[in-house]
């Protein structure tokens, strides 16, 4: 397509720079600085400035690795099906959270103060320090989303983009908080094998997934049964104590992707929409037929959506 010539040669970038600076088009009179007439090109310069800022932000995010934090009551293996396609686009890091999977508690125990996602957020920041990563795109599913918001609250300068999957910004209701504390106590006294998966699977997976993908249900059960009771108890108490994160998201001036399963009953589409509405630069996507664990129920769709949203390098 032919480029328009506007008196400064075939150089559209130079024109954009001069529009932003206010020196184009030339104005009659002794000097643009002494011209008191209305600036008819202020709107055009504002649009160009916004576009330039968006492009600069996208270019910066394009080179950042992606850190994905897992859901409760699972571990980093929940991301296995999306790691390969996402790794073709960027570096992908999927750690186990404290007390879950292969990750021990600091100093080998769960002792030391009330459980708090703020402590888990410091674990994430310490991981970034060990990996020498100043800034990342940070995402999480369910509890991993709560932890993502805790990191954003504690160290916003380390977050260059957000991926919030099957999660919500609100704190627990009194009823939900009491239920978490009850589960924590039962895990400590009885362990978790059998009963925890039985109680949670109907809420974690959509009916469609359970009917059409029995292997996914079997995998989720295996992941739940393999968790340490102390890790389950700690996670439940930490989630019960978490604050509302709406204000944190409202202040997050970075690109964000919000993903939600169509049939998610724990963090429903309305909660995802509420997050997207308060985030300054968010894209909302719904994954058809999925429930609360979209990376396991529809990994191809999740990986494709994240890849499509991630700026090209």
Protein backbone atom coordinates (compact mmCIF):
# COMPACT_ATOMS: atom_id res chain seq x y z
CA UNK A 1 0.00 0.00 0.00
CA UNK A 2 1.37 3.39 -0.96
CA UNK A 3 2.40 5.69 1.85
CA UNK A 4 1.05 9.18 2.00
CA UNK A 5 3.55 12.03 1.60
CA UNK A 6 2.90 14.99 3.90
CA UNK A 7 5.73 17.39 3.20
CA UNK A 8 8.36 15.46 5.17
CA UNK A 9 9.10 12.73 2.65
CA UNK A 10 8.21 9.08 2.74
CA UNK A 11 8.76 8.88 6.52
CA UNK A 12 5.58 8.08 8.50
CA UNK A 13 7.55 7.54 11.71
CA UNK A 14 8.97 11.03 11.49
CA UNK A 15 5.45 12.40 10.97
CA UNK A 16 4.21 10.56 14.05
CA UNK A 17 7.09 11.95 16.10
CA UNK A 18 6.38 15.50 14.95
CA UNK A 19 2.66 15.11 15.65
CA UNK A 20 3.47 13.93 19.16
CA UNK A 21 5.84 16.85 19.66
CA UNK A 22 3.29 19.37 18.40
CA UNK A 23 5.47 20.63 15.54
CA UNK A 24 3.36 19.24 12.68
CA UNK A 25 1.53 20.52 10.74
CA UNK A 26 3.40 23.84 10.59
CA UNK A 27 1.44 26.81 11.85
CA UNK A 28 1.54 30.31 10.39
CA UNK A 29 3.03 33.09 12.48
CA UNK A 30 6.40 33.90 13.92
CA UNK A 31 6.67 30.80 16.15
CA UNK A 32 4.52 27.84 17.18
CA UNK A 33 5.40 28.68 20.79
CA UNK A 34 3.78 32.10 20.49
CA UNK A 35 0.68 30.84 18.66
CA UNK A 36 -2.24 31.12 21.10
CA UNK A 37 -4.85 29.66 18.77
CA UNK A 38 -6.57 26.33 19.70
CA UNK A 39 -4.53 23.20 19.08
CA UNK A 40 -6.61 21.29 16.53
CA UNK A 41 -4.29 18.28 16.61
CA UNK A 42 -4.23 17.57 20.35
CA UNK A 43 -6.62 14.63 19.96
CA UNK A 44 -4.53 13.09 17.19
CA UNK A 45 -1.38 13.37 19.28
CA UNK A 46 -3.14 11.82 22.28
CA UNK A 47 -4.20 8.82 20.18
CA UNK A 48 -0.70 8.42 18.80
CA UNK A 49 0.78 8.62 22.30
CA UNK A 50 -1.60 5.92 23.53
CA UNK A 51 -0.77 3.65 20.58
CA UNK A 52 2.95 4.22 21.07
CA UNK A 53 2.62 3.39 24.77
CA UNK A 54 0.67 0.20 24.05
CA UNK A 55 3.27 -0.93 21.53
CA UNK A 56 6.12 -0.23 23.93
CA UNK A 57 4.36 -2.15 26.72
CA UNK A 58 3.60 -5.10 24.42
CA UNK A 59 7.17 -5.19 23.14
CA UNK A 60 8.47 -5.23 26.71
CA UNK A 61 6.10 -8.05 27.72
CA UNK A 62 6.93 -10.13 24.65
CA UNK A 63 10.37 -11.00 26.04
CA UNK A 64 9.22 -11.91 29.53
CA UNK A 65 9.04 -15.53 30.76
CA UNK A 66 5.72 -16.90 31.96
CA UNK A 67 5.36 -18.14 35.55
CA UNK A 68 2.24 -20.21 36.23
CA UNK A 69 1.09 -21.01 39.78
CA UNK A 70 -1.02 -24.10 40.34
CA UNK A 71 -4.47 -24.57 41.84
CA UNK A 72 -5.45 -26.08 45.18
CA UNK A 73 -5.36 -28.98 46.00
CA UNK A 74 -2.98 -29.88 43.17
CA UNK A 75 0.63 -29.16 42.23
CA UNK A 76 2.63 -28.00 39.22
CA UNK A 77 1.84 -31.18 37.27
CA UNK A 78 -1.54 -29.65 36.45
CA UNK A 79 0.26 -27.48 33.85
CA UNK A 80 1.94 -30.40 32.02
CA UNK A 81 -0.51 -30.42 29.12
CA UNK A 82 -0.03 -26.69 28.39
CA UNK A 83 3.72 -26.48 29.01
CA UNK A 84 4.83 -27.84 25.63
CA UNK A 85 2.72 -25.54 23.41
CA UNK A 86 3.43 -22.52 25.62
CA UNK A 87 7.16 -23.29 25.70
CA UNK A 88 7.21 -22.88 21.94
CA UNK A 89 6.33 -19.22 22.55
CA UNK A 90 8.26 -18.30 25.72
CA UNK A 91 10.07 -19.71 28.72
CA UNK A 92 7.54 -21.34 31.07
CA UNK A 93 8.15 -21.82 34.80
CA UNK A 94 5.70 -23.87 36.90
CA UNK A 95 6.81 -24.16 40.54
CA UNK A 96 5.21 -26.19 43.30
CA UNK A 97 3.91 -23.95 46.09
CA UNK A 98 5.08 -24.45 49.67
CA UNK A 99 3.88 -27.73 51.14
CA UNK A 100 2.46 -28.94 47.81
CA UNK A 101 3.91 -31.40 45.33
CA UNK A 102 7.66 -31.69 45.85
CA UNK A 103 8.01 -28.33 47.60
CA UNK A 104 8.67 -28.51 51.35
CA UNK A 105 7.86 -25.83 53.84
CA UNK A 106 10.74 -23.45 54.56
CA UNK A 107 13.09 -25.03 57.11
CA UNK A 108 11.28 -28.33 56.55
CA UNK A 109 8.21 -27.57 58.66
CA UNK A 110 4.90 -25.73 58.61
CA UNK A 111 5.58 -24.05 61.94
CA UNK A 112 5.98 -20.33 62.46
CA UNK A 113 3.03 -17.97 62.49
CA UNK A 114 -0.42 -18.00 60.95
CA UNK A 115 -0.58 -19.26 57.35
CA UNK A 116 -0.67 -16.36 54.89
CA UNK A 117 -0.47 -16.03 51.13
CA UNK A 118 1.91 -13.14 51.80
CA UNK A 119 4.50 -15.72 52.85
CA UNK A 120 3.86 -17.74 49.69
CA UNK A 121 4.23 -14.52 47.68
CA UNK A 122 7.67 -14.02 49.21
CA UNK A 123 8.50 -17.57 48.10
CA UNK A 124 7.64 -16.58 44.51
CA UNK A 125 9.74 -13.42 44.68
CA UNK A 126 12.65 -15.42 46.13
CA UNK A 127 12.31 -17.87 43.22
CA UNK A 128 12.51 -15.00 40.73
CA UNK A 129 15.63 -13.75 42.51
CA UNK A 130 17.26 -17.19 42.31
CA UNK A 131 16.45 -17.40 38.61
CA UNK A 132 17.70 -13.82 38.11
CA UNK A 133 14.39 -12.70 36.63
CA UNK A 134 13.64 -9.04 37.26
CA UNK A 135 10.17 -9.17 35.71
CA UNK A 136 7.80 -11.88 34.47
CA UNK A 137 4.31 -12.45 33.21
CA UNK A 138 2.69 -14.00 36.26
CA UNK A 139 -0.37 -16.20 36.22
CA UNK A 140 -2.24 -18.70 38.30
CA UNK A 141 -5.26 -20.96 38.43
CA UNK A 142 -7.67 -20.87 41.38
CA UNK A 143 -5.44 -20.59 44.49
CA UNK A 144 -2.60 -19.80 42.08
CA UNK A 145 -4.61 -16.75 41.06
CA UNK A 146 -4.96 -15.68 44.69
CA UNK A 147 -1.20 -16.05 45.05
CA UNK A 148 -0.63 -14.07 41.86
CA UNK A 149 -2.61 -11.20 43.37
CA UNK A 150 -0.60 -11.48 46.58
CA UNK A 151 2.64 -11.16 44.60
CA UNK A 152 1.18 -8.21 42.73
CA UNK A 153 0.39 -6.59 46.07
CA UNK A 154 3.85 -7.27 47.50
CA UNK A 155 6.09 -6.64 44.49
CA UNK A 156 4.21 -5.03 41.57
CA UNK A 157 7.49 -4.05 39.92
CA UNK A 158 8.20 -7.75 39.27
CA UNK A 159 4.97 -8.28 37.28
CA UNK A 160 4.86 -7.29 33.61
CA UNK A 161 1.61 -9.06 32.73
CA UNK A 162 -1.13 -11.15 34.35
CA UNK A 163 -2.87 -14.42 33.47
CA UNK A 164 -5.76 -15.07 35.86
CA UNK A 165 -7.38 -18.49 35.34
CA UNK A 166 -10.51 -19.76 37.11
CA UNK A 167 -10.01 -17.43 40.06
CA UNK A 168 -11.61 -14.40 41.68
CA UNK A 169 -10.65 -11.21 43.47
CA UNK A 170 -13.03 -11.39 46.42
CA UNK A 171 -12.27 -12.64 49.92
CA UNK A 172 -14.10 -15.64 51.37
CA UNK A 173 -17.54 -15.35 52.90
CA UNK A 174 -17.85 -16.37 56.54
CA UNK A 175 -19.35 -19.70 55.45
CA UNK A 176 -16.55 -20.43 52.98
CA UNK A 177 -13.92 -19.47 55.56
CA UNK A 178 -15.43 -21.82 58.16
CA UNK A 179 -15.50 -24.65 55.62
CA UNK A 180 -11.82 -24.14 54.80
CA UNK A 181 -10.84 -24.29 58.46
CA UNK A 182 -12.87 -27.48 58.87
CA UNK A 183 -11.10 -29.11 55.90
CA UNK A 184 -7.72 -28.07 57.32
CA UNK A 185 -8.50 -29.75 60.64
CA UNK A 186 -9.73 -32.94 58.98
CA UNK A 187 -6.64 -33.13 56.75
CA UNK A 188 -4.40 -32.94 59.81
CA UNK A 189 -6.30 -35.64 61.69
CA UNK A 190 -7.27 -38.06 58.89
CA UNK A 191 -4.90 -37.34 56.00
CA UNK A 192 -6.35 -36.51 52.57
CA UNK A 193 -6.50 -39.75 50.54
CA UNK A 194 -9.95 -40.59 49.24
CA UNK A 195 -12.31 -38.21 51.00
CA UNK A 196 -10.84 -34.91 49.77
CA UNK A 197 -11.04 -35.90 46.10
CA UNK A 198 -14.55 -37.29 46.60
CA UNK A 199 -15.64 -33.98 48.12
CA UNK A 200 -13.97 -31.72 45.58
CA UNK A 201 -14.16 -33.39 42.16
CA UNK A 202 -17.81 -32.47 41.47
CA UNK A 203 -16.89 -28.80 42.01
CA UNK A 204 -13.54 -28.86 40.24
CA UNK A 205 -14.58 -30.44 36.93
CA UNK A 206 -17.59 -29.77 34.76
CA UNK A 207 -20.14 -32.48 34.18
CA UNK A 208 -19.07 -32.52 30.53
CA UNK A 209 -15.45 -33.21 31.50
CA UNK A 210 -16.37 -35.97 33.94
CA UNK A 211 -18.55 -37.70 31.34
CA UNK A 212 -16.37 -37.21 28.26
CA UNK A 213 -12.86 -37.26 29.77
CA UNK A 214 -12.73 -39.82 32.62
CA UNK A 215 -8.94 -39.80 32.33
CA UNK A 216 -8.90 -36.16 33.49
CA UNK A 217 -10.99 -37.03 36.53
CA UNK A 218 -8.60 -39.91 37.32
CA UNK A 219 -5.58 -37.60 37.00
CA UNK A 220 -7.09 -34.96 39.29
CA UNK A 221 -7.90 -37.62 41.88
CA UNK A 222 -4.32 -38.89 41.73
CA UNK A 223 -2.93 -35.38 42.17
CA UNK A 224 -5.17 -34.66 45.17
CA UNK A 225 -4.43 -37.99 46.88
CA UNK A 226 -0.68 -37.39 46.55
CA UNK A 227 -0.62 -34.12 48.49
CA UNK A 228 0.81 -33.74 51.98
CA UNK A 229 -1.89 -33.25 54.63
CA UNK A 230 0.17 -30.45 56.18
CA UNK A 231 0.29 -28.65 52.83
CA UNK A 232 -3.46 -28.98 52.34
CA UNK A 233 -4.11 -27.63 55.84
CA UNK A 234 -1.70 -24.71 55.39
CA UNK A 235 -3.18 -23.76 52.02
CA UNK A 236 -6.75 -23.80 53.32
CA UNK A 237 -5.89 -21.56 56.27
CA UNK A 238 -3.91 -19.17 54.06
CA UNK A 239 -6.77 -18.87 51.58
CA UNK A 240 -9.27 -18.35 54.40
CA UNK A 241 -7.22 -15.35 55.59
CA UNK A 242 -6.72 -13.70 52.20
CA UNK A 243 -8.01 -10.14 51.66
CA UNK A 244 -10.12 -8.79 48.85
CA UNK A 245 -7.83 -7.99 45.91
CA UNK A 246 -10.11 -5.76 43.83
CA UNK A 247 -8.12 -2.60 44.60
CA UNK A 248 -4.88 -4.42 43.77
CA UNK A 249 -6.20 -5.37 40.33
CA UNK A 250 -7.52 -1.87 39.72
CA UNK A 251 -4.01 -0.52 40.23
CA UNK A 252 -2.36 -3.16 38.01
CA UNK A 253 -1.40 -1.15 34.95
CA UNK A 254 -0.14 -4.13 32.93
CA UNK A 255 -1.75 -6.27 30.22
CA UNK A 256 -3.98 -8.98 31.70
CA UNK A 257 -5.72 -12.09 30.41
CA UNK A 258 -8.68 -13.44 32.38
CA UNK A 259 -9.73 -17.02 31.57
CA UNK A 260 -12.75 -18.83 32.99
CA UNK A 261 -14.48 -22.12 32.38
CA UNK A 262 -18.03 -21.84 31.08
CA UNK A 263 -19.32 -24.05 33.92
CA UNK A 264 -16.96 -22.97 36.71
CA UNK A 265 -19.04 -22.98 39.89
CA UNK A 266 -16.26 -22.02 42.31
CA UNK A 267 -15.02 -18.92 40.47
CA UNK A 268 -17.89 -18.35 38.03
CA UNK A 269 -17.88 -16.27 34.84
CA UNK A 270 -19.44 -13.31 36.67
CA UNK A 271 -16.41 -13.21 39.00
CA UNK A 272 -14.07 -13.32 36.00
CA UNK A 273 -15.99 -10.51 34.36
CA UNK A 274 -15.74 -8.44 37.53
CA UNK A 275 -11.94 -8.79 37.49
CA UNK A 276 -11.74 -7.89 33.81
CA UNK A 277 -13.89 -4.83 34.45
CA UNK A 278 -11.57 -3.39 37.12
CA UNK A 279 -8.27 -4.27 35.42
CA UNK A 280 -7.06 -1.32 33.31
CA UNK A 281 -6.00 -3.46 30.32
CA UNK A 282 -7.76 -6.82 30.35
CA UNK A 283 -9.01 -9.41 27.90
CA UNK A 284 -11.68 -11.86 29.05
CA UNK A 285 -12.04 -15.33 27.49
CA UNK A 286 -14.48 -18.11 28.35
CA UNK A 287 -13.48 -21.74 27.74
CA UNK A 288 -16.51 -23.76 26.55
CA UNK A 289 -17.64 -26.89 28.41
CA UNK A 290 -14.96 -26.52 31.12
CA UNK A 291 -15.29 -26.12 34.87
CA UNK A 292 -12.81 -24.86 37.46
CA UNK A 293 -9.65 -26.49 36.08
CA UNK A 294 -9.51 -25.34 32.46
CA UNK A 295 -5.77 -26.10 32.00
CA UNK A 296 -6.61 -29.78 32.64
CA UNK A 297 -10.06 -29.89 31.05
CA UNK A 298 -9.24 -27.94 27.87
CA UNK A 299 -5.45 -27.58 27.66
CA UNK A 300 -5.35 -26.92 23.92
CA UNK A 301 -7.84 -24.07 24.22
CA UNK A 302 -6.03 -22.56 27.21
CA UNK A 303 -2.61 -22.76 25.56
CA UNK A 304 -3.94 -21.29 22.31
CA UNK A 305 -5.66 -18.43 24.13
CA UNK A 306 -2.55 -17.51 26.12
CA UNK A 307 -0.35 -17.77 23.02
CA UNK A 308 -2.71 -15.58 21.02
CA UNK A 309 -2.76 -12.96 23.80
CA UNK A 310 1.02 -12.97 24.33
CA UNK A 311 2.63 -10.25 22.18
CA UNK A 312 4.83 -11.48 19.35
CA UNK A 313 8.53 -11.17 20.04
